Amino acid sequence: MQLVEAYAEATRGLIEGGADLIMIETIFDTLNAKAAVFAIETVFDELGVKLPIMISGTITDASGRTLSGQTTEAFYNSLRHAKPLTFGLNCALGPKELRPYVEMMSKISETFVSVHPNAGLPNAFGGTI
């Protein structure tokens, strides 16, 4: 319940601050994202507003899965009920490594697809490769 309350508080602040949309991003675990969606929808009902929602998950490595073990397709299917403006992927991988997962998302998604890859991948010396 604390997670839902935290997302609700953040959503209220964003709406009161004039946000045009709400983005749930860098999702490693869809249970957290579902809590965010629930909180956002609750706040929309409370305030009598409805803003577009963007959802963006994170593929953590070459396994093609989120940290909680979901494939791109499972991630999408777990959250499609939210009917967001976009589904997408962000962080963790660079553009080249993220491309196959974005292509998969574009084949299955009924929404627009977004992508925000890392500009480069970190190396052991603190730089990027």
N, C-alpha and C. Protein backbone atom coordinates (compact mmCIF):
# COMPACT_ATOMS: atom_id res chain seq x y z
N MET A 1 0.82 -1.19 0.00
CA MET A 1 0.00 0.00 0.00
C MET A 1 0.87 1.26 0.00
N GLN A 2 2.03 1.20 0.64
CA GLN A 2 2.93 2.36 0.67
C GLN A 2 3.38 2.73 -0.74
N LEU A 3 3.62 1.72 -1.57
CA LEU A 3 4.05 1.98 -2.94
C LEU A 3 2.95 2.71 -3.71
N VAL A 4 1.72 2.24 -3.59
CA VAL A 4 0.58 2.90 -4.25
C VAL A 4 0.45 4.33 -3.76
N GLU A 5 0.57 4.53 -2.46
CA GLU A 5 0.47 5.89 -1.89
C GLU A 5 1.57 6.80 -2.42
N ALA A 6 2.78 6.27 -2.55
CA ALA A 6 3.89 7.07 -3.07
C ALA A 6 3.64 7.46 -4.53
N TYR A 7 3.18 6.50 -5.34
CA TYR A 7 2.86 6.82 -6.74
C TYR A 7 1.71 7.81 -6.83
N ALA A 8 0.71 7.68 -5.97
CA ALA A 8 -0.43 8.61 -5.98
C ALA A 8 0.03 10.02 -5.64
N GLU A 9 0.88 10.15 -4.62
CA GLU A 9 1.39 11.46 -4.24
C GLU A 9 2.18 12.10 -5.39
N ALA A 10 3.02 11.31 -6.02
CA ALA A 10 3.80 11.82 -7.16
C ALA A 10 2.88 12.23 -8.30
N THR A 11 1.86 11.43 -8.57
CA THR A 11 0.92 11.74 -9.65
C THR A 11 0.17 13.04 -9.37
N ARG A 12 -0.31 13.20 -8.15
CA ARG A 12 -0.99 14.45 -7.79
C ARG A 12 -0.07 15.66 -8.02
N GLY A 13 1.17 15.53 -7.58
CA GLY A 13 2.12 16.62 -7.76
C GLY A 13 2.37 16.94 -9.23
N LEU A 14 2.48 15.92 -10.04
CA LEU A 14 2.70 16.13 -11.47
C LEU A 14 1.50 16.82 -12.11
N ILE A 15 0.30 16.36 -11.77
CA ILE A 15 -0.90 16.96 -12.33
C ILE A 15 -1.04 18.41 -11.86
N GLU A 16 -0.87 18.64 -10.57
CA GLU A 16 -0.97 20.00 -10.03
C GLU A 16 0.10 20.91 -10.61
N GLY A 17 1.24 20.34 -10.98
CA GLY A 17 2.32 21.12 -11.58
C GLY A 17 2.14 21.36 -13.07
N GLY A 18 1.08 20.81 -13.66
CA GLY A 18 0.78 21.07 -15.07
C GLY A 18 1.29 20.04 -16.05
N ALA A 19 1.57 18.84 -15.60
CA ALA A 19 2.06 17.79 -16.51
C ALA A 19 1.06 17.53 -17.63
N ASP A 20 1.58 17.23 -18.81
CA ASP A 20 0.75 16.90 -19.96
C ASP A 20 0.52 15.41 -20.09
N LEU A 21 1.37 14.63 -19.45
CA LEU A 21 1.26 13.17 -19.48
C LEU A 21 1.99 12.60 -18.28
N ILE A 22 1.76 11.32 -18.03
CA ILE A 22 2.44 10.63 -16.93
C ILE A 22 3.25 9.49 -17.54
N MET A 23 4.54 9.41 -17.19
CA MET A 23 5.40 8.35 -17.71
C MET A 23 5.86 7.45 -16.57
N ILE A 24 5.57 6.18 -16.72
CA ILE A 24 6.06 5.16 -15.79
C ILE A 24 7.26 4.53 -16.50
N GLU A 25 8.46 4.76 -16.00
CA GLU A 25 9.63 4.33 -16.77
C GLU A 25 10.63 3.54 -15.94
N THR A 26 11.56 2.94 -16.68
CA THR A 26 12.63 2.13 -16.12
C THR A 26 12.04 1.02 -15.24
N ILE A 27 11.06 0.32 -15.79
CA ILE A 27 10.36 -0.74 -15.06
C ILE A 27 11.20 -2.01 -15.10
N PHE A 28 11.57 -2.48 -13.92
CA PHE A 28 12.25 -3.77 -13.78
C PHE A 28 11.27 -4.86 -13.38
N ASP A 29 10.20 -4.46 -12.73
CA ASP A 29 9.24 -5.41 -12.15
C ASP A 29 7.83 -4.91 -12.43
N THR A 30 7.04 -5.68 -13.15
CA THR A 30 5.70 -5.22 -13.52
C THR A 30 4.76 -5.09 -12.33
N LEU A 31 5.05 -5.74 -11.21
CA LEU A 31 4.20 -5.53 -10.03
C LEU A 31 4.29 -4.08 -9.56
N ASN A 32 5.48 -3.50 -9.61
CA ASN A 32 5.63 -2.08 -9.28
C ASN A 32 4.89 -1.22 -10.29
N ALA A 33 4.98 -1.57 -11.56
CA ALA A 33 4.29 -0.81 -12.59
C ALA A 33 2.78 -0.90 -12.43
N LYS A 34 2.29 -2.08 -12.05
CA LYS A 34 0.85 -2.23 -11.82
C LYS A 34 0.41 -1.37 -10.64
N ALA A 35 1.24 -1.27 -9.61
CA ALA A 35 0.93 -0.38 -8.49
C ALA A 35 0.87 1.07 -8.97
N ALA A 36 1.79 1.45 -9.85
CA ALA A 36 1.79 2.81 -10.40
C ALA A 36 0.53 3.06 -11.22
N VAL A 37 0.17 2.12 -12.08
CA VAL A 37 -1.03 2.28 -12.90
C VAL A 37 -2.26 2.42 -12.01
N PHE A 38 -2.37 1.58 -10.98
CA PHE A 38 -3.51 1.65 -10.06
C PHE A 38 -3.57 3.02 -9.39
N ALA A 39 -2.43 3.49 -8.91
CA ALA A 39 -2.38 4.80 -8.24
C ALA A 39 -2.75 5.92 -9.19
N ILE A 40 -2.21 5.88 -10.39
CA ILE A 40 -2.49 6.92 -11.38
C ILE A 40 -3.97 6.96 -11.72
N GLU A 41 -4.56 5.81 -11.98
CA GLU A 41 -5.98 5.76 -12.32
C GLU A 41 -6.84 6.24 -11.14
N THR A 42 -6.43 5.91 -9.93
CA THR A 42 -7.16 6.37 -8.74
C THR A 42 -7.12 7.89 -8.63
N VAL A 43 -5.95 8.47 -8.85
CA VAL A 43 -5.81 9.93 -8.80
C VAL A 43 -6.60 10.58 -9.93
N PHE A 44 -6.56 10.00 -11.12
CA PHE A 44 -7.36 10.53 -12.22
C PHE A 44 -8.83 10.60 -11.82
N ASP A 45 -9.34 9.53 -11.21
CA ASP A 45 -10.73 9.49 -10.77
C ASP A 45 -11.01 10.54 -9.70
N GLU A 46 -10.10 10.67 -8.73
CA GLU A 46 -10.26 11.66 -7.65
C GLU A 46 -10.34 13.08 -8.18
N LEU A 47 -9.45 13.39 -9.13
CA LEU A 47 -9.34 14.76 -9.64
C LEU A 47 -10.20 15.03 -10.85
N GLY A 48 -10.81 13.99 -11.40
CA GLY A 48 -11.64 14.16 -12.59
C GLY A 48 -10.84 14.53 -13.83
N VAL A 49 -9.62 14.01 -13.93
CA VAL A 49 -8.77 14.26 -15.10
C VAL A 49 -8.34 12.92 -15.69
N LYS A 50 -7.88 12.98 -16.91
CA LYS A 50 -7.34 11.78 -17.57
C LYS A 50 -6.23 12.25 -18.49
N LEU A 51 -5.00 11.94 -18.14
CA LEU A 51 -3.85 12.28 -18.97
C LEU A 51 -3.34 11.02 -19.66
N PRO A 52 -2.66 11.18 -20.79
CA PRO A 52 -2.03 10.02 -21.42
C PRO A 52 -0.96 9.43 -20.49
N ILE A 53 -0.80 8.12 -20.56
CA ILE A 53 0.23 7.41 -19.80
C ILE A 53 1.21 6.77 -20.78
N MET A 54 2.49 6.90 -20.48
CA MET A 54 3.54 6.19 -21.22
C MET A 54 4.14 5.16 -20.27
N ILE A 55 4.40 3.96 -20.78
CA ILE A 55 5.00 2.90 -19.98
C ILE A 55 6.28 2.45 -20.66
N SER A 56 7.37 2.40 -19.91
CA SER A 56 8.66 2.02 -20.48
C SER A 56 9.41 1.09 -19.53
N GLY A 57 9.74 -0.09 -20.01
CA GLY A 57 10.45 -1.08 -19.21
C GLY A 57 11.93 -1.11 -19.52
N THR A 58 12.65 -1.89 -18.76
CA THR A 58 14.09 -2.00 -18.93
C THR A 58 14.50 -3.45 -19.10
N ILE A 59 15.16 -3.73 -20.22
CA ILE A 59 15.78 -5.03 -20.47
C ILE A 59 17.19 -4.92 -19.89
N THR A 60 17.51 -5.78 -18.95
CA THR A 60 18.73 -5.57 -18.18
C THR A 60 20.02 -6.09 -18.81
N ASP A 61 19.91 -7.09 -19.69
CA ASP A 61 21.13 -7.64 -20.29
C ASP A 61 20.77 -8.40 -21.56
N ALA A 62 21.74 -9.12 -22.10
CA ALA A 62 21.56 -9.83 -23.37
C ALA A 62 20.56 -10.98 -23.28
N SER A 63 20.09 -11.31 -22.08
CA SER A 63 19.06 -12.35 -21.96
C SER A 63 17.74 -11.89 -22.56
N GLY A 64 17.58 -10.57 -22.72
CA GLY A 64 16.35 -10.03 -23.27
C GLY A 64 15.21 -9.99 -22.27
N ARG A 65 15.53 -10.03 -21.00
CA ARG A 65 14.50 -10.07 -19.95
C ARG A 65 14.65 -8.89 -18.99
N THR A 66 13.54 -8.58 -18.34
CA THR A 66 13.60 -7.59 -17.27
C THR A 66 14.29 -8.22 -16.07
N LEU A 67 14.61 -7.43 -15.08
CA LEU A 67 15.27 -7.95 -13.88
C LEU A 67 14.42 -9.02 -13.20
N SER A 68 13.10 -8.90 -13.30
CA SER A 68 12.22 -9.90 -12.69
C SER A 68 12.01 -11.11 -13.60
N GLY A 69 12.67 -11.14 -14.76
CA GLY A 69 12.67 -12.32 -15.62
C GLY A 69 11.68 -12.33 -16.76
N GLN A 70 10.96 -11.23 -16.99
CA GLN A 70 9.97 -11.22 -18.06
C GLN A 70 10.60 -10.90 -19.41
N THR A 71 10.09 -11.57 -20.43
CA THR A 71 10.47 -11.23 -21.80
C THR A 71 9.75 -9.94 -22.19
N THR A 72 10.13 -9.38 -23.33
CA THR A 72 9.46 -8.17 -23.83
C THR A 72 7.97 -8.42 -24.00
N GLU A 73 7.62 -9.56 -24.56
CA GLU A 73 6.21 -9.89 -24.78
C GLU A 73 5.45 -10.04 -23.46
N ALA A 74 6.06 -10.70 -22.49
CA ALA A 74 5.40 -10.86 -21.18
C ALA A 74 5.24 -9.52 -20.48
N PHE A 75 6.24 -8.66 -20.59
CA PHE A 75 6.16 -7.31 -20.02
C PHE A 75 4.97 -6.57 -20.62
N TYR A 76 4.86 -6.60 -21.94
CA TYR A 76 3.75 -5.94 -22.63
C TYR A 76 2.41 -6.51 -22.18
N ASN A 77 2.30 -7.83 -22.19
CA ASN A 77 1.03 -8.47 -21.84
C ASN A 77 0.62 -8.21 -20.39
N SER A 78 1.59 -8.03 -19.51
CA SER A 78 1.30 -7.76 -18.10
C SER A 78 0.69 -6.38 -17.88
N LEU A 79 0.93 -5.46 -18.81
CA LEU A 79 0.51 -4.07 -18.60
C LEU A 79 -0.40 -3.51 -19.69
N ARG A 80 -0.72 -4.30 -20.69
CA ARG A 80 -1.51 -3.78 -21.81
C ARG A 80 -2.89 -3.30 -21.37
N HIS A 81 -3.41 -3.85 -20.28
CA HIS A 81 -4.73 -3.45 -19.78
C HIS A 81 -4.79 -1.95 -19.44
N ALA A 82 -3.64 -1.33 -19.20
CA ALA A 82 -3.60 0.09 -18.86
C ALA A 82 -3.89 0.99 -20.06
N LYS A 83 -3.83 0.42 -21.25
CA LYS A 83 -4.08 1.17 -22.49
C LYS A 83 -3.29 2.49 -22.55
N PRO A 84 -1.97 2.39 -22.44
CA PRO A 84 -1.15 3.61 -22.47
C PRO A 84 -1.05 4.19 -23.88
N LEU A 85 -0.61 5.42 -23.95
CA LEU A 85 -0.32 6.06 -25.23
C LEU A 85 0.83 5.35 -25.91
N THR A 86 1.86 5.00 -25.13
CA THR A 86 3.02 4.29 -25.67
C THR A 86 3.47 3.18 -24.74
N PHE A 87 4.05 2.16 -25.35
CA PHE A 87 4.83 1.15 -24.64
C PHE A 87 6.24 1.31 -25.15
N GLY A 88 7.22 1.12 -24.29
CA GLY A 88 8.58 1.26 -24.77
C GLY A 88 9.59 0.62 -23.86
N LEU A 89 10.85 0.84 -24.23
CA LEU A 89 11.99 0.32 -23.48
C LEU A 89 12.99 1.44 -23.29
N ASN A 90 13.67 1.42 -22.16
CA ASN A 90 14.68 2.45 -21.89
C ASN A 90 15.80 1.88 -21.02
N CYS A 91 16.89 2.61 -21.00
CA CYS A 91 18.06 2.33 -20.14
C CYS A 91 18.71 0.97 -20.38
N ALA A 92 19.70 0.70 -19.57
CA ALA A 92 20.44 -0.57 -19.48
C ALA A 92 21.23 -0.94 -20.73
N LEU A 93 20.65 -0.88 -21.89
CA LEU A 93 21.34 -1.28 -23.12
C LEU A 93 21.51 -0.08 -24.05
N GLY A 94 22.52 -0.18 -24.92
CA GLY A 94 22.71 0.83 -25.94
C GLY A 94 21.76 0.60 -27.11
N PRO A 95 21.76 1.50 -28.09
CA PRO A 95 20.83 1.39 -29.22
C PRO A 95 20.92 0.07 -29.98
N LYS A 96 22.12 -0.37 -30.28
CA LYS A 96 22.30 -1.61 -31.04
C LYS A 96 21.75 -2.81 -30.28
N GLU A 97 22.05 -2.89 -28.99
CA GLU A 97 21.63 -4.03 -28.18
C GLU A 97 20.12 -4.02 -27.90
N LEU A 98 19.54 -2.84 -27.85
CA LEU A 98 18.12 -2.71 -27.53
C LEU A 98 17.21 -2.93 -28.74
N ARG A 99 17.77 -2.76 -29.93
CA ARG A 99 16.97 -2.80 -31.16
C ARG A 99 16.10 -4.06 -31.32
N PRO A 100 16.61 -5.28 -31.13
CA PRO A 100 15.74 -6.45 -31.34
C PRO A 100 14.53 -6.47 -30.41
N TYR A 101 14.68 -5.93 -29.22
CA TYR A 101 13.57 -5.94 -28.26
C TYR A 101 12.55 -4.86 -28.62
N VAL A 102 13.02 -3.75 -29.15
CA VAL A 102 12.11 -2.71 -29.63
C VAL A 102 11.35 -3.22 -30.86
N GLU A 103 12.04 -3.95 -31.73
CA GLU A 103 11.37 -4.53 -32.89
C GLU A 103 10.28 -5.50 -32.45
N MET A 104 10.56 -6.32 -31.44
CA MET A 104 9.54 -7.24 -30.91
C MET A 104 8.36 -6.45 -30.36
N MET A 105 8.65 -5.40 -29.60
CA MET A 105 7.59 -4.58 -29.03
C MET A 105 6.72 -3.98 -30.13
N SER A 106 7.35 -3.52 -31.21
CA SER A 106 6.58 -2.90 -32.29
C SER A 106 5.69 -3.91 -33.02
N LYS A 107 6.06 -5.17 -33.00
CA LYS A 107 5.24 -6.20 -33.64
C LYS A 107 4.01 -6.57 -32.82
N ILE A 108 4.09 -6.47 -31.51
CA ILE A 108 2.99 -6.93 -30.66
C ILE A 108 2.16 -5.81 -30.07
N SER A 109 2.70 -4.61 -30.01
CA SER A 109 2.03 -3.51 -29.33
C SER A 109 0.88 -2.94 -30.15
N GLU A 110 -0.19 -2.62 -29.47
CA GLU A 110 -1.34 -1.96 -30.10
C GLU A 110 -1.25 -0.44 -29.93
N THR A 111 -0.12 0.04 -29.44
CA THR A 111 0.09 1.47 -29.18
C THR A 111 1.33 1.94 -29.92
N PHE A 112 1.62 3.22 -29.77
CA PHE A 112 2.90 3.73 -30.24
C PHE A 112 4.00 3.06 -29.42
N VAL A 113 5.21 3.00 -29.98
CA VAL A 113 6.35 2.39 -29.29
C VAL A 113 7.42 3.47 -29.10
N SER A 114 7.98 3.53 -27.89
CA SER A 114 9.04 4.50 -27.60
C SER A 114 10.31 3.76 -27.23
N VAL A 115 11.44 4.43 -27.42
CA VAL A 115 12.72 3.84 -27.03
C VAL A 115 13.65 4.95 -26.56
N HIS A 116 14.32 4.70 -25.44
CA HIS A 116 15.28 5.64 -24.86
C HIS A 116 16.49 4.84 -24.39
N PRO A 117 17.36 4.42 -25.34
CA PRO A 117 18.53 3.61 -24.94
C PRO A 117 19.57 4.47 -24.24
N ASN A 118 20.47 3.79 -23.54
CA ASN A 118 21.64 4.49 -23.00
C ASN A 118 22.47 5.02 -24.15
N ALA A 119 23.13 6.13 -23.94
CA ALA A 119 24.00 6.69 -24.97
C ALA A 119 25.23 5.82 -25.17
N GLY A 120 25.60 5.07 -24.18
CA GLY A 120 26.73 4.16 -24.24
C GLY A 120 26.68 3.26 -23.03
N LEU A 121 27.42 2.19 -23.07
CA LEU A 121 27.43 1.25 -21.96
C LEU A 121 28.64 1.51 -21.08
N PRO A 122 28.49 1.44 -19.77
CA PRO A 122 29.62 1.70 -18.88
C PRO A 122 30.69 0.62 -19.01
N ASN A 123 31.94 1.02 -18.81
CA ASN A 123 33.01 0.03 -18.77
C ASN A 123 33.61 0.02 -17.36
N ALA A 124 34.54 -0.85 -17.13
CA ALA A 124 35.12 -1.03 -15.79
C ALA A 124 35.88 0.20 -15.29
N PHE A 125 36.21 1.12 -16.19
CA PHE A 125 37.00 2.28 -15.81
C PHE A 125 36.16 3.54 -15.63
N GLY A 126 34.83 3.39 -15.67
CA GLY A 126 33.94 4.53 -15.47
C GLY A 126 33.61 5.29 -16.73
N GLY A 127 34.14 4.88 -17.85
CA GLY A 127 33.81 5.51 -19.13
C GLY A 127 32.70 4.76 -19.82
N THR A 128 32.56 4.98 -21.10
CA THR A 128 31.57 4.24 -21.88
C THR A 128 32.25 3.55 -23.04
N ILE A 129 31.58 2.50 -23.52
CA ILE A 129 32.12 1.78 -24.68
C ILE A 129 31.19 1.96 -25.86
